[in-house]
Amino acid sequence: MELFFDLCFVVAVSQASTQLAEQVVEGHLARGLGYHAAVFFAIWWAWMGFSWFASAYDTDDVPYRIATFVQIAGALTLAAGIPGAFEGDFTVITAGYAVMRVGVVSQWLRASLEDQDPARRRVARRYAAGISLLQAGWIGRLWLPEQGQMPFFALLVIGELLVPVVSERGARAAWHPMACTVSTSSSCA
């Protein structure tokens, strides 16, 4: 399933590269690079969010697989929205990103309920809260006037990058997938 998940991201990266190439051919290099950077961040960070969680709590049970399929649907929606994003319409790509991030929030919330370590439960709740707060910002960004969208985009990117820093302040999430699972987290170091 992880290979299929990764393949969906390959499709998204391919879409972004195709759109960048079209922008270059049309003589819009700077615009194309700007849109490509924005789209690539969404692809990369959504994939990182899944990988970060999977490295900590890959339980490989039915709820985990269902959440992973939700995230796959989000990745495909994100990929489908890339051509529109290169035209300045980030609605579909934002919807796909939101679906992916809701999937990972559900995973962090589950970890916050099932991890045996109180410090790691707090870390999981911080991840869920930070990601949720930023998702509200990403969706709200769609209603901003055009001139305010890119500065707010940059602010949201900084927020996304700070979620792990803030979430793991004072304690760290579990890490080793062979030693740590939600149901056996008492063996985690």
N, C-alpha and C. Protein backbone atom coordinates (compact mmCIF):
# COMPACT_ATOMS: atom_id res chain seq x y z
N MET A 1 0.82 -1.19 0.00
CA MET A 1 0.00 0.00 0.00
C MET A 1 0.87 1.26 0.00
N GLU A 2 2.00 1.20 0.71
CA GLU A 2 2.88 2.37 0.73
C GLU A 2 3.43 2.67 -0.65
N LEU A 3 3.70 1.65 -1.44
CA LEU A 3 4.18 1.88 -2.80
C LEU A 3 3.11 2.56 -3.65
N PHE A 4 1.86 2.14 -3.50
CA PHE A 4 0.78 2.78 -4.23
C PHE A 4 0.64 4.24 -3.79
N PHE A 5 0.76 4.45 -2.47
CA PHE A 5 0.71 5.80 -1.93
C PHE A 5 1.79 6.67 -2.57
N ASP A 6 3.01 6.15 -2.60
CA ASP A 6 4.11 6.90 -3.21
C ASP A 6 3.89 7.14 -4.70
N LEU A 7 3.32 6.16 -5.38
CA LEU A 7 3.04 6.30 -6.81
C LEU A 7 2.08 7.45 -7.07
N CYS A 8 1.11 7.65 -6.19
CA CYS A 8 0.17 8.78 -6.35
C CYS A 8 0.92 10.10 -6.28
N PHE A 9 1.95 10.16 -5.46
CA PHE A 9 2.76 11.37 -5.38
C PHE A 9 3.64 11.54 -6.61
N VAL A 10 4.07 10.44 -7.18
CA VAL A 10 4.82 10.52 -8.44
C VAL A 10 3.93 11.15 -9.52
N VAL A 11 2.66 10.78 -9.54
CA VAL A 11 1.71 11.36 -10.49
C VAL A 11 1.61 12.87 -10.26
N ALA A 12 1.52 13.28 -9.00
CA ALA A 12 1.42 14.70 -8.68
C ALA A 12 2.67 15.46 -9.11
N VAL A 13 3.84 14.89 -8.83
CA VAL A 13 5.10 15.55 -9.23
C VAL A 13 5.18 15.63 -10.75
N SER A 14 4.75 14.58 -11.43
CA SER A 14 4.73 14.59 -12.89
C SER A 14 3.82 15.69 -13.43
N GLN A 15 2.65 15.84 -12.83
CA GLN A 15 1.72 16.91 -13.23
C GLN A 15 2.37 18.27 -13.05
N ALA A 16 3.01 18.47 -11.91
CA ALA A 16 3.66 19.76 -11.64
C ALA A 16 4.77 20.04 -12.65
N SER A 17 5.54 19.01 -12.96
CA SER A 17 6.63 19.19 -13.92
C SER A 17 6.11 19.49 -15.32
N THR A 18 5.03 18.82 -15.71
CA THR A 18 4.42 19.08 -17.01
C THR A 18 3.92 20.51 -17.10
N GLN A 19 3.27 20.96 -16.05
CA GLN A 19 2.75 22.34 -16.04
C GLN A 19 3.89 23.36 -16.07
N LEU A 20 4.98 23.08 -15.35
CA LEU A 20 6.13 23.97 -15.39
C LEU A 20 6.71 24.03 -16.80
N ALA A 21 6.84 22.88 -17.43
CA ALA A 21 7.38 22.85 -18.80
C ALA A 21 6.51 23.68 -19.75
N GLU A 22 5.19 23.58 -19.59
CA GLU A 22 4.29 24.37 -20.44
C GLU A 22 4.47 25.86 -20.20
N GLN A 23 4.66 26.25 -18.95
CA GLN A 23 4.88 27.66 -18.64
C GLN A 23 6.19 28.15 -19.27
N VAL A 24 7.23 27.33 -19.22
CA VAL A 24 8.52 27.71 -19.80
C VAL A 24 8.38 27.88 -21.31
N VAL A 25 7.70 26.93 -21.96
CA VAL A 25 7.51 27.00 -23.41
C VAL A 25 6.75 28.27 -23.80
N GLU A 26 5.79 28.67 -22.97
CA GLU A 26 5.00 29.87 -23.24
C GLU A 26 5.73 31.16 -22.87
N GLY A 27 6.94 31.03 -22.33
CA GLY A 27 7.73 32.21 -21.98
C GLY A 27 7.42 32.79 -20.62
N HIS A 28 6.86 31.99 -19.73
CA HIS A 28 6.49 32.45 -18.38
C HIS A 28 7.32 31.73 -17.32
N LEU A 29 8.63 31.82 -17.43
CA LEU A 29 9.52 31.10 -16.53
C LEU A 29 9.31 31.49 -15.07
N ALA A 30 9.34 32.76 -14.76
CA ALA A 30 9.21 33.21 -13.36
C ALA A 30 7.86 32.79 -12.78
N ARG A 31 6.81 33.02 -13.52
CA ARG A 31 5.47 32.61 -13.06
C ARG A 31 5.42 31.10 -12.85
N GLY A 32 5.94 30.36 -13.83
CA GLY A 32 5.95 28.90 -13.73
C GLY A 32 6.72 28.40 -12.54
N LEU A 33 7.88 28.99 -12.29
CA LEU A 33 8.67 28.58 -11.13
C LEU A 33 7.96 28.89 -9.81
N GLY A 34 7.27 30.03 -9.75
CA GLY A 34 6.51 30.38 -8.54
C GLY A 34 5.39 29.40 -8.26
N TYR A 35 4.62 29.10 -9.30
CA TYR A 35 3.54 28.13 -9.13
C TYR A 35 4.08 26.74 -8.82
N HIS A 36 5.18 26.38 -9.49
CA HIS A 36 5.77 25.06 -9.25
C HIS A 36 6.24 24.94 -7.80
N ALA A 37 6.87 25.97 -7.29
CA ALA A 37 7.33 25.94 -5.89
C ALA A 37 6.15 25.78 -4.94
N ALA A 38 5.06 26.50 -5.19
CA ALA A 38 3.88 26.41 -4.32
C ALA A 38 3.26 25.02 -4.38
N VAL A 39 3.11 24.50 -5.59
CA VAL A 39 2.51 23.19 -5.77
C VAL A 39 3.42 22.10 -5.19
N PHE A 40 4.72 22.22 -5.46
CA PHE A 40 5.64 21.21 -4.97
C PHE A 40 5.67 21.19 -3.44
N PHE A 41 5.56 22.35 -2.81
CA PHE A 41 5.52 22.35 -1.34
C PHE A 41 4.33 21.53 -0.86
N ALA A 42 3.16 21.73 -1.46
CA ALA A 42 1.97 20.98 -1.04
C ALA A 42 2.19 19.48 -1.21
N ILE A 43 2.76 19.09 -2.33
CA ILE A 43 3.01 17.67 -2.58
C ILE A 43 4.00 17.12 -1.56
N TRP A 44 5.12 17.79 -1.44
CA TRP A 44 6.20 17.32 -0.57
C TRP A 44 5.77 17.29 0.90
N TRP A 45 5.13 18.36 1.37
CA TRP A 45 4.81 18.43 2.79
C TRP A 45 3.70 17.45 3.16
N ALA A 46 2.74 17.23 2.27
CA ALA A 46 1.71 16.23 2.53
C ALA A 46 2.34 14.84 2.61
N TRP A 47 3.26 14.56 1.72
CA TRP A 47 3.95 13.26 1.75
C TRP A 47 4.78 13.14 3.03
N MET A 48 5.46 14.22 3.40
CA MET A 48 6.26 14.20 4.63
C MET A 48 5.39 13.97 5.86
N GLY A 49 4.20 14.59 5.89
CA GLY A 49 3.30 14.40 7.03
C GLY A 49 2.90 12.95 7.20
N PHE A 50 2.60 12.29 6.08
CA PHE A 50 2.28 10.87 6.14
C PHE A 50 3.49 10.07 6.61
N SER A 51 4.64 10.33 6.00
CA SER A 51 5.85 9.57 6.33
C SER A 51 6.26 9.77 7.78
N TRP A 52 6.14 11.01 8.26
CA TRP A 52 6.51 11.32 9.64
C TRP A 52 5.66 10.50 10.60
N PHE A 53 4.35 10.49 10.35
CA PHE A 53 3.47 9.72 11.22
C PHE A 53 3.73 8.22 11.08
N ALA A 54 3.87 7.74 9.85
CA ALA A 54 4.07 6.30 9.63
C ALA A 54 5.35 5.82 10.30
N SER A 55 6.36 6.67 10.37
CA SER A 55 7.60 6.29 11.03
C SER A 55 7.42 6.18 12.54
N ALA A 56 6.44 6.86 13.05
CA ALA A 56 6.19 6.82 14.49
C ALA A 56 5.18 5.73 14.87
N TYR A 57 4.09 5.62 14.13
CA TYR A 57 2.98 4.77 14.55
C TYR A 57 2.39 3.93 13.41
N ASP A 58 3.20 3.28 12.63
CA ASP A 58 2.70 2.45 11.54
C ASP A 58 2.12 1.16 12.10
N THR A 59 0.84 1.17 12.41
CA THR A 59 0.21 0.00 13.00
C THR A 59 -0.23 -1.03 11.97
N ASP A 60 -0.44 -0.60 10.74
CA ASP A 60 -0.84 -1.47 9.64
C ASP A 60 -2.09 -2.29 9.97
N ASP A 61 -3.03 -1.67 10.67
CA ASP A 61 -4.31 -2.33 10.94
C ASP A 61 -5.39 -1.67 10.09
N VAL A 62 -6.63 -2.10 10.25
CA VAL A 62 -7.71 -1.60 9.40
C VAL A 62 -7.91 -0.08 9.51
N PRO A 63 -8.00 0.51 10.72
CA PRO A 63 -8.16 1.97 10.78
C PRO A 63 -7.00 2.73 10.12
N TYR A 64 -5.79 2.22 10.29
CA TYR A 64 -4.63 2.86 9.67
C TYR A 64 -4.74 2.80 8.15
N ARG A 65 -5.13 1.66 7.62
CA ARG A 65 -5.26 1.51 6.17
C ARG A 65 -6.38 2.39 5.61
N ILE A 66 -7.48 2.50 6.35
CA ILE A 66 -8.58 3.36 5.90
C ILE A 66 -8.10 4.81 5.83
N ALA A 67 -7.41 5.25 6.88
CA ALA A 67 -6.88 6.62 6.88
C ALA A 67 -5.88 6.82 5.74
N THR A 68 -5.09 5.78 5.45
CA THR A 68 -4.14 5.87 4.35
C THR A 68 -4.88 6.00 3.01
N PHE A 69 -5.96 5.25 2.83
CA PHE A 69 -6.74 5.38 1.60
C PHE A 69 -7.36 6.77 1.47
N VAL A 70 -7.77 7.35 2.59
CA VAL A 70 -8.28 8.73 2.56
C VAL A 70 -7.17 9.66 2.08
N GLN A 71 -5.97 9.45 2.59
CA GLN A 71 -4.85 10.29 2.18
C GLN A 71 -4.49 10.07 0.70
N ILE A 72 -4.63 8.83 0.21
CA ILE A 72 -4.39 8.57 -1.21
C ILE A 72 -5.41 9.33 -2.05
N ALA A 73 -6.68 9.32 -1.63
CA ALA A 73 -7.71 10.08 -2.36
C ALA A 73 -7.35 11.57 -2.37
N GLY A 74 -6.84 12.07 -1.26
CA GLY A 74 -6.41 13.46 -1.20
C GLY A 74 -5.25 13.74 -2.14
N ALA A 75 -4.29 12.80 -2.22
CA ALA A 75 -3.15 12.97 -3.11
C ALA A 75 -3.59 13.02 -4.57
N LEU A 76 -4.53 12.17 -4.93
CA LEU A 76 -5.02 12.17 -6.31
C LEU A 76 -5.82 13.43 -6.62
N THR A 77 -6.58 13.91 -5.63
CA THR A 77 -7.31 15.17 -5.81
C THR A 77 -6.32 16.32 -5.96
N LEU A 78 -5.30 16.31 -5.14
CA LEU A 78 -4.25 17.33 -5.23
C LEU A 78 -3.64 17.32 -6.63
N ALA A 79 -3.31 16.12 -7.14
CA ALA A 79 -2.72 16.00 -8.48
C ALA A 79 -3.67 16.54 -9.55
N ALA A 80 -4.96 16.25 -9.38
CA ALA A 80 -5.95 16.72 -10.36
C ALA A 80 -6.07 18.25 -10.34
N GLY A 81 -5.76 18.88 -9.22
CA GLY A 81 -5.87 20.33 -9.11
C GLY A 81 -4.66 21.10 -9.59
N ILE A 82 -3.59 20.41 -9.94
CA ILE A 82 -2.36 21.10 -10.33
C ILE A 82 -2.53 21.96 -11.58
N PRO A 83 -3.16 21.48 -12.65
CA PRO A 83 -3.32 22.37 -13.82
C PRO A 83 -4.07 23.66 -13.47
N GLY A 84 -5.10 23.57 -12.65
CA GLY A 84 -5.83 24.77 -12.23
C GLY A 84 -4.97 25.70 -11.39
N ALA A 85 -4.12 25.11 -10.54
CA ALA A 85 -3.24 25.93 -9.71
C ALA A 85 -2.29 26.76 -10.57
N PHE A 86 -1.83 26.20 -11.68
CA PHE A 86 -0.94 26.95 -12.57
C PHE A 86 -1.69 28.04 -13.32
N GLU A 87 -3.00 28.04 -13.23
CA GLU A 87 -3.82 29.12 -13.78
C GLU A 87 -4.24 30.10 -12.68
N GLY A 88 -3.79 29.84 -11.44
CA GLY A 88 -4.11 30.72 -10.33
C GLY A 88 -5.30 30.27 -9.49
N ASP A 89 -5.89 29.11 -9.81
CA ASP A 89 -7.03 28.60 -9.05
C ASP A 89 -6.56 27.43 -8.17
N PHE A 90 -6.42 27.69 -6.89
CA PHE A 90 -5.91 26.69 -5.96
C PHE A 90 -7.03 25.93 -5.24
N THR A 91 -8.26 26.02 -5.71
CA THR A 91 -9.39 25.40 -5.02
C THR A 91 -9.25 23.89 -4.93
N VAL A 92 -9.04 23.22 -6.05
CA VAL A 92 -8.99 21.75 -6.05
C VAL A 92 -7.74 21.25 -5.33
N ILE A 93 -6.61 21.89 -5.57
CA ILE A 93 -5.39 21.46 -4.90
C ILE A 93 -5.50 21.65 -3.38
N THR A 94 -6.15 22.72 -2.96
CA THR A 94 -6.37 22.95 -1.53
C THR A 94 -7.30 21.89 -0.95
N ALA A 95 -8.33 21.52 -1.71
CA ALA A 95 -9.24 20.46 -1.25
C ALA A 95 -8.49 19.14 -1.09
N GLY A 96 -7.65 18.80 -2.05
CA GLY A 96 -6.87 17.57 -1.95
C GLY A 96 -5.92 17.61 -0.77
N TYR A 97 -5.27 18.74 -0.57
CA TYR A 97 -4.34 18.89 0.56
C TYR A 97 -5.11 18.76 1.88
N ALA A 98 -6.30 19.36 1.94
CA ALA A 98 -7.11 19.28 3.16
C ALA A 98 -7.52 17.84 3.45
N VAL A 99 -7.91 17.10 2.43
CA VAL A 99 -8.29 15.69 2.63
C VAL A 99 -7.10 14.91 3.18
N MET A 100 -5.93 15.15 2.61
CA MET A 100 -4.73 14.46 3.10
C MET A 100 -4.43 14.82 4.55
N ARG A 101 -4.54 16.09 4.85
CA ARG A 101 -4.18 16.53 6.20
C ARG A 101 -5.24 16.09 7.23
N VAL A 102 -6.50 16.01 6.82
CA VAL A 102 -7.53 15.48 7.72
C VAL A 102 -7.21 14.02 8.04
N GLY A 103 -6.75 13.28 7.02
CA GLY A 103 -6.37 11.89 7.26
C GLY A 103 -5.25 11.77 8.28
N VAL A 104 -4.24 12.62 8.17
CA VAL A 104 -3.13 12.53 9.12
C VAL A 104 -3.54 13.06 10.50
N VAL A 105 -4.45 14.04 10.55
CA VAL A 105 -4.96 14.50 11.85
C VAL A 105 -5.66 13.36 12.56
N SER A 106 -6.47 12.59 11.82
CA SER A 106 -7.16 11.46 12.45
C SER A 106 -6.15 10.46 13.01
N GLN A 107 -5.04 10.28 12.32
CA GLN A 107 -4.01 9.37 12.80
C GLN A 107 -3.36 9.89 14.09
N TRP A 108 -3.05 11.18 14.11
CA TRP A 108 -2.43 11.75 15.31
C TRP A 108 -3.40 11.71 16.49
N LEU A 109 -4.69 11.95 16.21
CA LEU A 109 -5.67 11.87 17.30
C LEU A 109 -5.77 10.45 17.84
N ARG A 110 -5.74 9.48 16.96
CA ARG A 110 -5.77 8.09 17.41
C ARG A 110 -4.54 7.80 18.28
N ALA A 111 -3.38 8.25 17.83
CA ALA A 111 -2.16 8.04 18.63
C ALA A 111 -2.28 8.72 19.99
N SER A 112 -2.92 9.89 20.02
CA SER A 112 -3.07 10.60 21.30
C SER A 112 -3.97 9.85 22.27
N LEU A 113 -4.83 9.02 21.75
CA LEU A 113 -5.71 8.22 22.61
C LEU A 113 -5.09 6.89 23.01
N GLU A 114 -4.25 6.31 22.16
CA GLU A 114 -3.79 4.95 22.39
C GLU A 114 -2.35 4.81 22.84
N ASP A 115 -1.52 5.82 22.67
CA ASP A 115 -0.13 5.72 23.11
C ASP A 115 -0.13 5.66 24.63
N GLN A 116 0.71 4.81 25.18
CA GLN A 116 0.77 4.62 26.63
C GLN A 116 1.57 5.71 27.34
N ASP A 117 2.40 6.42 26.61
CA ASP A 117 3.25 7.45 27.20
C ASP A 117 2.53 8.80 27.20
N PRO A 118 2.31 9.40 28.39
CA PRO A 118 1.59 10.69 28.45
C PRO A 118 2.29 11.81 27.67
N ALA A 119 3.61 11.83 27.65
CA ALA A 119 4.32 12.88 26.92
C ALA A 119 4.08 12.73 25.42
N ARG A 120 4.12 11.51 24.92
CA ARG A 120 3.87 11.30 23.48
C ARG A 120 2.41 11.55 23.13
N ARG A 121 1.50 11.32 24.06
CA ARG A 121 0.09 11.66 23.80
C ARG A 121 -0.05 13.16 23.61
N ARG A 122 0.65 13.96 24.44
CA ARG A 122 0.62 15.42 24.28
C ARG A 122 1.22 15.83 22.94
N VAL A 123 2.32 15.20 22.55
CA VAL A 123 2.94 15.49 21.25
C VAL A 123 1.93 15.23 20.13
N ALA A 124 1.25 14.11 20.19
CA ALA A 124 0.27 13.75 19.16
C ALA A 124 -0.87 14.77 19.12
N ARG A 125 -1.33 15.21 20.28
CA ARG A 125 -2.41 16.22 20.30
C ARG A 125 -1.92 17.54 19.71
N ARG A 126 -0.67 17.91 19.98
CA ARG A 126 -0.12 19.14 19.41
C ARG A 126 -0.04 19.05 17.88
N TYR A 127 0.40 17.92 17.39
CA TYR A 127 0.41 17.74 15.93
C TYR A 127 -0.99 17.90 15.36
N ALA A 128 -1.96 17.22 15.95
CA ALA A 128 -3.33 17.28 15.45
C ALA A 128 -3.86 18.72 15.49
N ALA A 129 -3.60 19.42 16.58
CA ALA A 129 -4.09 20.79 16.71
C ALA A 129 -3.40 21.73 15.71
N GLY A 130 -2.09 21.62 15.60
CA GLY A 130 -1.35 22.49 14.68
C GLY A 130 -1.76 22.29 13.23
N ILE A 131 -1.86 21.03 12.82
CA ILE A 131 -2.25 20.73 11.44
C ILE A 131 -3.67 21.22 11.19
N SER A 132 -4.56 21.01 12.14
CA SER A 132 -5.96 21.45 11.98
C SER A 132 -6.06 22.96 11.85
N LEU A 133 -5.35 23.67 12.71
CA LEU A 133 -5.37 25.13 12.66
C LEU A 133 -4.88 25.63 11.30
N LEU A 134 -3.80 25.05 10.82
CA LEU A 134 -3.27 25.47 9.52
C LEU A 134 -4.21 25.11 8.38
N GLN A 135 -4.92 24.00 8.49
CA GLN A 135 -5.88 23.65 7.44
C GLN A 135 -6.97 24.70 7.33
N ALA A 136 -7.40 25.21 8.46
CA ALA A 136 -8.37 26.30 8.43
C ALA A 136 -7.79 27.50 7.69
N GLY A 137 -6.52 27.77 7.91
CA GLY A 137 -5.85 28.87 7.20
C GLY A 137 -5.75 28.63 5.71
N TRP A 138 -5.41 27.39 5.30
CA TRP A 138 -5.31 27.08 3.87
C TRP A 138 -6.65 27.25 3.19
N ILE A 139 -7.69 26.78 3.83
CA ILE A 139 -9.03 26.90 3.24
C ILE A 139 -9.46 28.36 3.23
N GLY A 140 -9.22 29.08 4.30
CA GLY A 140 -9.55 30.51 4.37
C GLY A 140 -8.80 31.33 3.34
N ARG A 141 -7.61 30.90 2.98
CA ARG A 141 -6.80 31.61 1.99
C ARG A 141 -7.51 31.72 0.65
N LEU A 142 -8.36 30.77 0.35
CA LEU A 142 -9.08 30.78 -0.93
C LEU A 142 -9.99 32.00 -1.07
N TRP A 143 -10.40 32.60 0.03
CA TRP A 143 -11.31 33.75 -0.01
C TRP A 143 -10.59 35.09 0.07
N LEU A 144 -9.28 35.05 0.17
CA LEU A 144 -8.52 36.30 0.22
C LEU A 144 -8.46 36.93 -1.17
N PRO A 145 -8.33 38.26 -1.22
CA PRO A 145 -8.10 38.90 -2.52
C PRO A 145 -6.78 38.39 -3.11
N GLU A 146 -6.67 38.40 -4.41
CA GLU A 146 -5.51 37.83 -5.10
C GLU A 146 -4.18 38.38 -4.58
N GLN A 147 -4.10 39.67 -4.31
CA GLN A 147 -2.83 40.25 -3.86
C GLN A 147 -2.44 39.79 -2.46
N GLY A 148 -3.36 39.28 -1.67
CA GLY A 148 -3.04 38.81 -0.33
C GLY A 148 -2.76 37.32 -0.25
N GLN A 149 -3.01 36.59 -1.33
CA GLN A 149 -2.88 35.14 -1.27
C GLN A 149 -1.44 34.66 -1.14
N MET A 150 -0.52 35.20 -1.90
CA MET A 150 0.86 34.71 -1.82
C MET A 150 1.55 35.07 -0.50
N PRO A 151 1.38 36.28 0.03
CA PRO A 151 1.98 36.54 1.35
C PRO A 151 1.41 35.62 2.43
N PHE A 152 0.10 35.36 2.37
CA PHE A 152 -0.51 34.46 3.35
C PHE A 152 -0.03 33.03 3.12
N PHE A 153 0.19 32.66 1.86
CA PHE A 153 0.75 31.36 1.52
C PHE A 153 2.09 31.18 2.23
N ALA A 154 2.96 32.19 2.12
CA ALA A 154 4.28 32.11 2.76
C ALA A 154 4.15 31.96 4.27
N LEU A 155 3.22 32.68 4.87
CA LEU A 155 3.00 32.57 6.31
C LEU A 155 2.53 31.17 6.69
N LEU A 156 1.64 30.59 5.89
CA LEU A 156 1.16 29.24 6.16
C LEU A 156 2.27 28.20 6.00
N VAL A 157 3.15 28.38 5.03
CA VAL A 157 4.28 27.46 4.86
C VAL A 157 5.16 27.49 6.10
N ILE A 158 5.45 28.67 6.59
CA ILE A 158 6.25 28.79 7.82
C ILE A 158 5.54 28.08 8.97
N GLY A 159 4.23 28.28 9.07
CA GLY A 159 3.46 27.59 10.11
C GLY A 159 3.55 26.08 9.98
N GLU A 160 3.43 25.57 8.76
CA GLU A 160 3.53 24.12 8.53
C GLU A 160 4.89 23.59 8.98
N LEU A 161 5.94 24.32 8.64
CA LEU A 161 7.29 23.88 9.01
C LEU A 161 7.52 23.95 10.52
N LEU A 162 6.78 24.81 11.20
CA LEU A 162 6.94 24.94 12.65
C LEU A 162 6.14 23.91 13.45
N VAL A 163 5.14 23.28 12.83
CA VAL A 163 4.32 22.31 13.57
C VAL A 163 5.18 21.22 14.23
N PRO A 164 6.12 20.56 13.52
CA PRO A 164 6.94 19.56 14.20
C PRO A 164 7.80 20.15 15.32
N VAL A 165 8.32 21.34 15.10
CA VAL A 165 9.17 21.98 16.10
C VAL A 165 8.37 22.23 17.38
N VAL A 166 7.20 22.81 17.23
CA VAL A 166 6.35 23.12 18.39
C VAL A 166 5.79 21.85 19.01
N SER A 167 5.37 20.91 18.18
CA SER A 167 4.75 19.69 18.68
C SER A 167 5.72 18.83 19.49
N GLU A 168 6.98 18.82 19.09
CA GLU A 168 7.94 17.96 19.77
C GLU A 168 8.82 18.71 20.77
N ARG A 169 8.37 19.90 21.14
CA ARG A 169 9.08 20.65 22.17
C ARG A 169 8.86 19.96 23.52
N GLY A 170 9.92 19.56 24.16
CA GLY A 170 9.83 18.93 25.47
C GLY A 170 9.67 17.42 25.43
N ALA A 171 9.21 16.87 24.33
CA ALA A 171 9.06 15.42 24.17
C ALA A 171 9.03 15.14 22.68
N ARG A 172 9.35 13.93 22.32
CA ARG A 172 9.38 13.56 20.91
C ARG A 172 8.33 12.49 20.64
N ALA A 173 7.87 12.45 19.40
CA ALA A 173 6.98 11.37 18.97
C ALA A 173 7.80 10.08 18.93
N ALA A 174 7.11 8.96 19.02
CA ALA A 174 7.78 7.67 18.85
C ALA A 174 8.43 7.66 17.47
N TRP A 175 9.43 6.83 17.24
CA TRP A 175 10.08 6.91 15.94
C TRP A 175 10.25 5.57 15.23
N HIS A 176 10.76 4.57 15.85
CA HIS A 176 11.12 3.34 15.14
C HIS A 176 9.90 2.49 14.83
N PRO A 177 9.60 2.26 13.54
CA PRO A 177 8.37 1.54 13.17
C PRO A 177 8.36 0.08 13.59
N MET A 178 9.50 -0.56 13.77
CA MET A 178 9.51 -1.95 14.18
C MET A 178 9.33 -2.09 15.69
N ALA A 179 9.74 -1.08 16.44
CA ALA A 179 9.65 -1.15 17.89
C ALA A 179 8.42 -0.44 18.43
N CYS A 180 7.85 0.47 17.67
CA CYS A 180 6.76 1.29 18.18
C CYS A 180 5.50 1.10 17.34
N THR A 181 4.45 0.74 17.99
CA THR A 181 3.14 0.76 17.36
C THR A 181 2.20 1.39 18.36
N VAL A 182 1.05 1.81 17.91
CA VAL A 182 0.11 2.41 18.84
C VAL A 182 -0.26 1.44 19.94
N SER A 183 -0.46 0.18 19.58
CA SER A 183 -0.91 -0.79 20.58
C SER A 183 0.23 -1.30 21.46
N THR A 184 1.50 -1.17 21.05
CA THR A 184 2.61 -1.64 21.87
C THR A 184 3.61 -0.54 22.18
N SER A 185 3.13 0.66 22.31
CA SER A 185 4.04 1.79 22.46
C SER A 185 4.81 1.77 23.76
N SER A 186 4.45 0.89 24.70
CA SER A 186 5.21 0.83 25.95
C SER A 186 6.63 0.36 25.69
N SER A 187 6.89 -0.27 24.52
CA SER A 187 8.24 -0.71 24.21
C SER A 187 9.06 0.36 23.49
N CYS A 188 8.48 1.53 23.26
CA CYS A 188 9.18 2.58 22.54
C CYS A 188 10.17 3.29 23.45
N ALA A 189 11.31 3.66 22.87
CA ALA A 189 12.30 4.41 23.66
C ALA A 189 12.04 5.90 23.56
